Amino acid sequence: THVVTQSRLQGYLDAHAQAGIPVN
């Protein structure tokens, strides 16, 4: 429910997407 958590999680997902590595 904290916005900062969503921002950090999205950064984690973005990095995987840019690297072409699926998120487990």
PDB file of all heavy atoms in Angstrom:
ATOM      1  N   THR A   1       0.813  -1.217   0.000  1.00  0.00           N
ATOM      2  CA  THR A   1       0.000   0.000   0.000  1.00  0.00           C
ATOM      3  C   THR A   1       0.846   1.268   0.000  1.00  0.00           C
ATOM      4  O   THR A   1       0.321   2.361  -0.205  1.00  0.00           O
ATOM      5  CB  THR A   1      -0.944   0.023   1.209  1.00  0.00           C
ATOM      6  OG1 THR A   1      -0.174  -0.129   2.406  1.00  0.00           O
ATOM      7  CG2 THR A   1      -1.969  -1.097   1.118  1.00  0.00           C
ATOM      8  N   HIS A   2       2.156   1.150   0.265  1.00  0.00           N
ATOM      9  CA  HIS A   2       3.046   2.306   0.223  1.00  0.00           C
ATOM     10  C   HIS A   2       3.460   2.562  -1.228  1.00  0.00           C
ATOM     11  O   HIS A   2       3.909   1.645  -1.932  1.00  0.00           O
ATOM     12  CB  HIS A   2       4.300   2.072   1.064  1.00  0.00           C
ATOM     13  CG  HIS A   2       4.021   1.953   2.537  1.00  0.00           C
ATOM     14  ND1 HIS A   2       4.987   1.628   3.459  1.00  0.00           N
ATOM     15  CD2 HIS A   2       2.877   2.110   3.248  1.00  0.00           C
ATOM     16  CE1 HIS A   2       4.455   1.594   4.670  1.00  0.00           C
ATOM     17  NE2 HIS A   2       3.171   1.895   4.566  1.00  0.00           N
ATOM     18  N   VAL A   3       3.349   3.791  -1.674  1.00  0.00           N
ATOM     19  CA  VAL A   3       3.704   4.124  -3.052  1.00  0.00           C
ATOM     20  C   VAL A   3       5.170   3.821  -3.314  1.00  0.00           C
ATOM     21  O   VAL A   3       5.541   3.355  -4.399  1.00  0.00           O
ATOM     22  CB  VAL A   3       3.381   5.597  -3.362  1.00  0.00           C
ATOM     23  CG1 VAL A   3       3.848   5.966  -4.765  1.00  0.00           C
ATOM     24  CG2 VAL A   3       1.888   5.868  -3.213  1.00  0.00           C
ATOM     25  N   VAL A   4       6.034   4.070  -2.331  1.00  0.00           N
ATOM     26  CA  VAL A   4       7.467   3.836  -2.530  1.00  0.00           C
ATOM     27  C   VAL A   4       7.739   2.368  -2.833  1.00  0.00           C
ATOM     28  O   VAL A   4       8.642   2.036  -3.618  1.00  0.00           O
ATOM     29  CB  VAL A   4       8.283   4.319  -1.304  1.00  0.00           C
ATOM     30  CG1 VAL A   4       7.982   3.486  -0.066  1.00  0.00           C
ATOM     31  CG2 VAL A   4       9.776   4.302  -1.613  1.00  0.00           C
ATOM     32  N   THR A   5       6.970   1.454  -2.239  1.00  0.00           N
ATOM     33  CA  THR A   5       7.139   0.028  -2.523  1.00  0.00           C
ATOM     34  C   THR A   5       6.841  -0.257  -3.985  1.00  0.00           C
ATOM     35  O   THR A   5       7.579  -0.991  -4.657  1.00  0.00           O
ATOM     36  CB  THR A   5       6.209  -0.813  -1.624  1.00  0.00           C
ATOM     37  OG1 THR A   5       6.574  -0.589  -0.264  1.00  0.00           O
ATOM     38  CG2 THR A   5       6.325  -2.291  -1.955  1.00  0.00           C
ATOM     39  N   GLN A   6       5.763   0.334  -4.493  1.00  0.00           N
ATOM     40  CA  GLN A   6       5.402   0.130  -5.893  1.00  0.00           C
ATOM     41  C   GLN A   6       6.475   0.678  -6.830  1.00  0.00           C
ATOM     42  O   GLN A   6       6.797   0.066  -7.852  1.00  0.00           O
ATOM     43  CB  GLN A   6       4.053   0.798  -6.180  1.00  0.00           C
ATOM     44  CG  GLN A   6       2.883   0.205  -5.414  1.00  0.00           C
ATOM     45  CD  GLN A   6       2.610  -1.238  -5.792  1.00  0.00           C
ATOM     46  OE1 GLN A   6       2.765  -1.621  -6.946  1.00  0.00           O
ATOM     47  NE2 GLN A   6       2.213  -2.042  -4.824  1.00  0.00           N
ATOM     48  N   SER A   7       7.045   1.826  -6.465  1.00  0.00           N
ATOM     49  CA  SER A   7       8.092   2.435  -7.298  1.00  0.00           C
ATOM     50  C   SER A   7       9.336   1.554  -7.343  1.00  0.00           C
ATOM     51  O   SER A   7       9.930   1.337  -8.410  1.00  0.00           O
ATOM     52  CB  SER A   7       8.450   3.823  -6.763  1.00  0.00           C
ATOM     53  OG  SER A   7       7.349   4.689  -6.814  1.00  0.00           O
ATOM     54  N   ARG A   8       9.742   1.058  -6.177  1.00  0.00           N
ATOM     55  CA  ARG A   8      10.933   0.205  -6.124  1.00  0.00           C
ATOM     56  C   ARG A   8      10.702  -1.119  -6.840  1.00  0.00           C
ATOM     57  O   ARG A   8      11.595  -1.616  -7.549  1.00  0.00           O
ATOM     58  CB  ARG A   8      11.337  -0.014  -4.664  1.00  0.00           C
ATOM     59  CG  ARG A   8      11.886   1.243  -4.008  1.00  0.00           C
ATOM     60  CD  ARG A   8      12.099   1.071  -2.505  1.00  0.00           C
ATOM     61  NE  ARG A   8      12.694   2.289  -1.930  1.00  0.00           N
ATOM     62  CZ  ARG A   8      12.828   2.518  -0.633  1.00  0.00           C
ATOM     63  NH1 ARG A   8      12.412   1.616   0.248  1.00  0.00           N
ATOM     64  NH2 ARG A   8      13.378   3.636  -0.209  1.00  0.00           N
ATOM     65  N   LEU A   9       9.528  -1.693  -6.658  1.00  0.00           N
ATOM     66  CA  LEU A   9       9.206  -2.941  -7.344  1.00  0.00           C
ATOM     67  C   LEU A   9       9.211  -2.736  -8.855  1.00  0.00           C
ATOM     68  O   LEU A   9       9.733  -3.573  -9.612  1.00  0.00           O
ATOM     69  CB  LEU A   9       7.837  -3.446  -6.885  1.00  0.00           C
ATOM     70  CG  LEU A   9       7.298  -4.696  -7.590  1.00  0.00           C
ATOM     71  CD1 LEU A   9       8.248  -5.876  -7.418  1.00  0.00           C
ATOM     72  CD2 LEU A   9       5.902  -5.044  -7.063  1.00  0.00           C
ATOM     73  N   GLN A  10       8.669  -1.608  -9.302  1.00  0.00           N
ATOM     74  CA  GLN A  10       8.632  -1.347 -10.742  1.00  0.00           C
ATOM     75  C   GLN A  10      10.033  -1.181 -11.297  1.00  0.00           C
ATOM     76  O   GLN A  10      10.331  -1.622 -12.417  1.00  0.00           O
ATOM     77  CB  GLN A  10       7.793  -0.098 -11.032  1.00  0.00           C
ATOM     78  CG  GLN A  10       7.442   0.076 -12.503  1.00  0.00           C
ATOM     79  CD  GLN A  10       6.689  -1.122 -13.068  1.00  0.00           C
ATOM     80  OE1 GLN A  10       5.645  -1.491 -12.543  1.00  0.00           O
ATOM     81  NE2 GLN A  10       7.211  -1.730 -14.135  1.00  0.00           N
ATOM     82  N   GLY A  11      10.934  -0.549 -10.533  1.00  0.00           N
ATOM     83  CA  GLY A  11      12.325  -0.429 -10.968  1.00  0.00           C
ATOM     84  C   GLY A  11      12.976  -1.790 -11.135  1.00  0.00           C
ATOM     85  O   GLY A  11      13.727  -2.030 -12.093  1.00  0.00           O
ATOM     86  N   TYR A  12      12.700  -2.697 -10.199  1.00  0.00           N
ATOM     87  CA  TYR A  12      13.202  -4.080 -10.259  1.00  0.00           C
ATOM     88  C   TYR A  12      12.701  -4.768 -11.533  1.00  0.00           C
ATOM     89  O   TYR A  12      13.475  -5.423 -12.254  1.00  0.00           O
ATOM     90  CB  TYR A  12      12.729  -4.815  -9.008  1.00  0.00           C
ATOM     91  CG  TYR A  12      12.969  -6.305  -8.965  1.00  0.00           C
ATOM     92  CD1 TYR A  12      14.154  -6.824  -8.454  1.00  0.00           C
ATOM     93  CD2 TYR A  12      11.977  -7.195  -9.399  1.00  0.00           C
ATOM     94  CE1 TYR A  12      14.348  -8.214  -8.390  1.00  0.00           C
ATOM     95  CE2 TYR A  12      12.168  -8.569  -9.337  1.00  0.00           C
ATOM     96  CZ  TYR A  12      13.357  -9.074  -8.836  1.00  0.00           C
ATOM     97  OH  TYR A  12      13.554 -10.435  -8.766  1.00  0.00           O
ATOM     98  N   LEU A  13      11.397  -4.587 -11.817  1.00  0.00           N
ATOM     99  CA  LEU A  13      10.812  -5.195 -13.015  1.00  0.00           C
ATOM    100  C   LEU A  13      11.360  -4.563 -14.288  1.00  0.00           C
ATOM    101  O   LEU A  13      11.628  -5.266 -15.278  1.00  0.00           O
ATOM    102  CB  LEU A  13       9.288  -5.065 -12.967  1.00  0.00           C
ATOM    103  CG  LEU A  13       8.581  -5.760 -11.795  1.00  0.00           C
ATOM    104  CD1 LEU A  13       7.092  -5.429 -11.807  1.00  0.00           C
ATOM    105  CD2 LEU A  13       8.804  -7.268 -11.839  1.00  0.00           C
ATOM    106  N   ASP A  14      11.532  -3.245 -14.286  1.00  0.00           N
ATOM    107  CA  ASP A  14      12.066  -2.537 -15.458  1.00  0.00           C
ATOM    108  C   ASP A  14      13.446  -3.066 -15.839  1.00  0.00           C
ATOM    109  O   ASP A  14      13.750  -3.256 -17.030  1.00  0.00           O
ATOM    110  CB  ASP A  14      12.194  -1.035 -15.172  1.00  0.00           C
ATOM    111  CG  ASP A  14      10.858  -0.326 -15.074  1.00  0.00           C
ATOM    112  OD1 ASP A  14       9.840  -0.904 -15.482  1.00  0.00           O
ATOM    113  OD2 ASP A  14      10.834   0.817 -14.565  1.00  0.00           O
ATOM    114  N   ALA A  15      14.296  -3.281 -14.827  1.00  0.00           N
ATOM    115  CA  ALA A  15      15.662  -3.739 -15.091  1.00  0.00           C
ATOM    116  C   ALA A  15      15.657  -5.101 -15.779  1.00  0.00           C
ATOM    117  O   ALA A  15      16.429  -5.351 -16.718  1.00  0.00           O
ATOM    118  CB  ALA A  15      16.451  -3.803 -13.783  1.00  0.00           C
ATOM    119  N   HIS A  16      14.786  -5.984 -15.318  1.00  0.00           N
ATOM    120  CA  HIS A  16      14.692  -7.306 -15.947  1.00  0.00           C
ATOM    121  C   HIS A  16      14.173  -7.198 -17.378  1.00  0.00           C
ATOM    122  O   HIS A  16      14.660  -7.892 -18.279  1.00  0.00           O
ATOM    123  CB  HIS A  16      13.784  -8.213 -15.115  1.00  0.00           C
ATOM    124  CG  HIS A  16      14.430  -8.746 -13.879  1.00  0.00           C
ATOM    125  ND1 HIS A  16      14.559  -8.004 -12.718  1.00  0.00           N
ATOM    126  CD2 HIS A  16      15.007  -9.953 -13.615  1.00  0.00           C
ATOM    127  CE1 HIS A  16      15.175  -8.725 -11.797  1.00  0.00           C
ATOM    128  NE2 HIS A  16      15.453  -9.908 -12.306  1.00  0.00           N
ATOM    129  N   ALA A  17      13.180  -6.335 -17.579  1.00  0.00           N
ATOM    130  CA  ALA A  17      12.625  -6.167 -18.928  1.00  0.00           C
ATOM    131  C   ALA A  17      13.681  -5.633 -19.885  1.00  0.00           C
ATOM    132  O   ALA A  17      13.801  -6.111 -21.026  1.00  0.00           O
ATOM    133  CB  ALA A  17      11.419  -5.228 -18.880  1.00  0.00           C
ATOM    134  N   GLN A  18      14.471  -4.641 -19.430  1.00  0.00           N
ATOM    135  CA  GLN A  18      15.520  -4.075 -20.280  1.00  0.00           C
ATOM    136  C   GLN A  18      16.578  -5.109 -20.628  1.00  0.00           C
ATOM    137  O   GLN A  18      17.142  -5.096 -21.728  1.00  0.00           O
ATOM    138  CB  GLN A  18      16.167  -2.881 -19.579  1.00  0.00           C
ATOM    139  CG  GLN A  18      15.300  -1.640 -19.532  1.00  0.00           C
ATOM    140  CD  GLN A  18      15.988  -0.470 -18.835  1.00  0.00           C
ATOM    141  OE1 GLN A  18      17.106  -0.579 -18.341  1.00  0.00           O
ATOM    142  NE2 GLN A  18      15.309   0.662 -18.800  1.00  0.00           N
ATOM    143  N   ALA A  19      16.867  -5.998 -19.673  1.00  0.00           N
ATOM    144  CA  ALA A  19      17.883  -7.024 -19.905  1.00  0.00           C
ATOM    145  C   ALA A  19      17.339  -8.237 -20.651  1.00  0.00           C
ATOM    146  O   ALA A  19      18.102  -9.139 -21.033  1.00  0.00           O
ATOM    147  CB  ALA A  19      18.476  -7.470 -18.573  1.00  0.00           C
ATOM    148  N   GLY A  20      16.020  -8.269 -20.873  1.00  0.00           N
ATOM    149  CA  GLY A  20      15.414  -9.403 -21.551  1.00  0.00           C
ATOM    150  C   GLY A  20      15.417 -10.664 -20.708  1.00  0.00           C
ATOM    151  O   GLY A  20      15.434 -11.782 -21.239  1.00  0.00           O
ATOM    152  N   ILE A  21      15.399 -10.496 -19.385  1.00  0.00           N
ATOM    153  CA  ILE A  21      15.418 -11.626 -18.459  1.00  0.00           C
ATOM    154  C   ILE A  21      14.054 -11.724 -17.777  1.00  0.00           C
ATOM    155  O   ILE A  21      13.642 -10.782 -17.084  1.00  0.00           O
ATOM    156  CB  ILE A  21      16.528 -11.457 -17.401  1.00  0.00           C
ATOM    157  CG1 ILE A  21      17.902 -11.411 -18.085  1.00  0.00           C
ATOM    158  CG2 ILE A  21      16.480 -12.588 -16.374  1.00  0.00           C
ATOM    159  CD1 ILE A  21      19.038 -11.101 -17.133  1.00  0.00           C
ATOM    160  N   PRO A  22      13.346 -12.818 -17.941  1.00  0.00           N
ATOM    161  CA  PRO A  22      12.033 -12.958 -17.299  1.00  0.00           C
ATOM    162  C   PRO A  22      12.164 -12.922 -15.775  1.00  0.00           C
ATOM    163  O   PRO A  22      13.144 -13.406 -15.215  1.00  0.00           O
ATOM    164  CB  PRO A  22      11.545 -14.337 -17.765  1.00  0.00           C
ATOM    165  CG  PRO A  22      12.370 -14.654 -18.971  1.00  0.00           C
ATOM    166  CD  PRO A  22      13.690 -13.993 -18.765  1.00  0.00           C
ATOM    167  N   VAL A  23      11.157 -12.338 -15.115  1.00  0.00           N
ATOM    168  CA  VAL A  23      11.142 -12.278 -13.659  1.00  0.00           C
ATOM    169  C   VAL A  23      10.548 -13.571 -13.115  1.00  0.00           C
ATOM    170  O   VAL A  23       9.468 -13.998 -13.533  1.00  0.00           O
ATOM    171  CB  VAL A  23      10.317 -11.079 -13.156  1.00  0.00           C
ATOM    172  CG1 VAL A  23      10.162 -11.134 -11.640  1.00  0.00           C
ATOM    173  CG2 VAL A  23      10.986  -9.771 -13.571  1.00  0.00           C
ATOM    174  N   ASN A  24      11.274 -14.185 -12.193  1.00  0.00           N
ATOM    175  CA  ASN A  24      10.783 -15.382 -11.514  1.00  0.00           C
ATOM    176  C   ASN A  24       9.949 -14.930 -10.323  1.00  0.00           C
ATOM    177  O   ASN A  24      10.489 -14.476  -9.315  1.00  0.00           O
ATOM    178  CB  ASN A  24      11.970 -16.246 -11.065  1.00  0.00           C
ATOM    179  CG  ASN A  24      11.524 -17.505 -10.330  1.00  0.00           C
ATOM    180  OD1 ASN A  24      10.327 -17.738 -10.133  1.00  0.00           O
ATOM    181  ND2 ASN A  24      12.483 -18.323  -9.929  1.00  0.00           N
TER     182      ASN A  24
END
